[in-house]
Protein backbone atom coordinates (compact mmCIF):
# COMPACT_ATOMS: atom_id res chain seq x y z
CA UNK A 1 -42.52 39.77 -6.92
CA UNK A 2 -43.49 42.20 -9.67
CA UNK A 3 -46.75 43.80 -10.23
CA UNK A 4 -48.16 46.41 -12.61
CA UNK A 5 -49.02 49.35 -10.61
CA UNK A 6 -50.89 52.51 -11.46
CA UNK A 7 -49.12 55.11 -9.53
CA UNK A 8 -50.96 58.44 -10.77
CA UNK A 9 -53.80 59.36 -12.91
CA UNK A 10 -53.53 59.02 -16.88
CA UNK A 11 -53.54 56.88 -19.90
CA UNK A 12 -52.66 53.23 -19.02
CA UNK A 13 -49.67 53.28 -21.46
CA UNK A 14 -48.27 56.18 -19.50
CA UNK A 15 -49.24 55.18 -15.85
CA UNK A 16 -48.58 51.47 -15.46
CA UNK A 17 -45.33 50.92 -13.91
CA UNK A 18 -43.71 47.41 -13.32
CA UNK A 19 -42.88 47.74 -9.63
CA UNK A 20 -41.03 45.33 -7.39
CA UNK A 21 -43.54 44.80 -4.17
CA UNK A 22 -43.42 42.39 -1.29
CA UNK A 23 -44.55 39.07 -1.48
CA UNK A 24 -48.21 38.71 -0.24
CA UNK A 25 -49.59 36.66 2.30
CA UNK A 26 -53.05 35.24 2.46
CA UNK A 27 -55.40 36.26 5.13
CA UNK A 28 -58.00 34.31 6.79
CA UNK A 29 -60.55 32.84 4.17
CA UNK A 30 -58.14 34.17 1.25
CA UNK A 31 -55.88 32.00 -1.11
CA UNK A 32 -52.49 33.27 -2.70
CA UNK A 33 -52.71 32.86 -6.43
CA UNK A 34 -50.22 32.63 -9.03
CA UNK A 35 -51.69 34.64 -11.85
CA UNK A 36 -51.26 32.88 -15.27
CA UNK A 37 -53.53 35.21 -17.02
CA UNK A 38 -55.27 38.52 -16.59
CA UNK A 39 -57.64 40.50 -18.95
CA UNK A 40 -57.43 44.23 -19.40
CA UNK A 41 -60.99 45.46 -19.43
CA UNK A 42 -62.56 48.91 -20.27
CA UNK A 43 -62.99 49.65 -16.36
CA UNK A 44 -59.36 49.17 -15.89
CA UNK A 45 -58.68 51.77 -18.39
CA UNK A 46 -61.27 54.11 -16.67
CA UNK A 47 -59.51 53.25 -13.25
CA UNK A 48 -56.33 54.29 -14.75
CA UNK A 49 -57.73 57.53 -15.98
CA UNK A 50 -59.45 58.17 -12.36
CA UNK A 51 -62.86 57.98 -14.24
CA UNK A 52 -64.20 54.88 -12.75
CA UNK A 53 -66.97 54.78 -9.78
CA UNK A 54 -64.29 52.98 -7.69
CA UNK A 55 -61.04 55.01 -7.19
CA UNK A 56 -58.67 53.13 -5.18
CA UNK A 57 -55.72 54.92 -3.41
CA UNK A 58 -52.37 54.98 -5.32
CA UNK A 59 -50.49 52.76 -6.09
CA UNK A 60 -52.85 50.01 -7.17
CA UNK A 61 -52.90 46.92 -9.46
CA UNK A 62 -55.70 47.11 -11.97
CA UNK A 63 -57.54 43.88 -13.11
CA UNK A 64 -61.13 42.69 -12.90
CA UNK A 65 -60.55 39.05 -13.72
CA UNK A 66 -57.93 36.60 -13.59
CA UNK A 67 -56.99 32.89 -14.01
CA UNK A 68 -54.08 31.14 -12.20
CA UNK A 69 -53.36 28.36 -9.62
CA UNK A 70 -53.41 28.28 -5.87
CA UNK A 71 -50.00 28.79 -4.15
CA UNK A 72 -51.10 28.93 -0.66
CA UNK A 73 -54.44 28.57 0.92
CA UNK A 74 -55.01 31.04 4.04
CA UNK A 75 -56.37 30.08 7.32
CA UNK A 76 -59.97 28.77 7.29
CA UNK A 77 -59.83 27.96 3.51
CA UNK A 78 -61.67 24.68 2.69
CA UNK A 79 -62.32 22.92 -0.45
CA UNK A 80 -59.17 24.51 -2.29
CA UNK A 81 -55.55 23.55 -2.19
CA UNK A 82 -52.22 24.28 -3.34
CA UNK A 83 -52.08 23.67 -7.10
CA UNK A 84 -55.79 24.09 -7.79
CA UNK A 85 -56.51 25.86 -11.12
CA UNK A 86 -59.07 28.78 -10.33
CA UNK A 87 -60.83 31.62 -11.85
CA UNK A 88 -61.30 34.72 -9.94
CA UNK A 89 -61.97 38.51 -9.57
CA UNK A 90 -60.35 40.96 -7.13
CA UNK A 91 -61.52 41.62 -3.92
CA UNK A 92 -60.29 44.76 -2.42
CA UNK A 93 -58.28 44.50 1.04
CA UNK A 94 -59.27 47.28 3.32
CA UNK A 95 -60.82 49.10 0.37
CA UNK A 96 -57.65 48.93 -1.48
CA UNK A 97 -56.28 46.45 -4.12
CA UNK A 98 -53.21 45.13 -3.00
CA UNK A 99 -50.69 43.54 -5.56
CA UNK A 100 -51.10 39.93 -5.84
CA UNK A 101 -53.74 39.76 -3.14
CA UNK A 102 -57.17 38.59 -4.67
CA UNK A 103 -59.91 36.18 -3.67
CA UNK A 104 -60.51 33.15 -6.05
CA UNK A 105 -63.87 32.28 -6.97
CA UNK A 106 -64.98 28.89 -5.60
CA UNK A 107 -65.53 27.94 -9.24
CA UNK A 108 -62.65 25.57 -10.41
CA UNK A 109 -61.64 25.97 -13.76
CA UNK A 110 -62.37 22.96 -16.08
CA UNK A 111 -59.23 20.79 -17.13
CA UNK A 112 -57.03 22.93 -19.10
């Protein structure tokens, strides 16, 4: 799969690189989400510049909010199924944002 990654500190337009990354697998309690939309927020800009209070190791995929649909629920996930539309925010995996690995909120999006 492809993911936008920040590989060094700098301005977003200079440091965001579209990279080929391995397909992620959802862990226990996680879901794999096909992201259909993601916002670029001011904290994302600060993270690219190395000025945000959270400084994940490089490379990382920025993004604080997303909407999409579940591709695969991980072990132990209940109440969500493949094809469900969700909104979510990233949850660091072992202190690091992993491309494509996000936790979906338990809130389901309306019918869109």
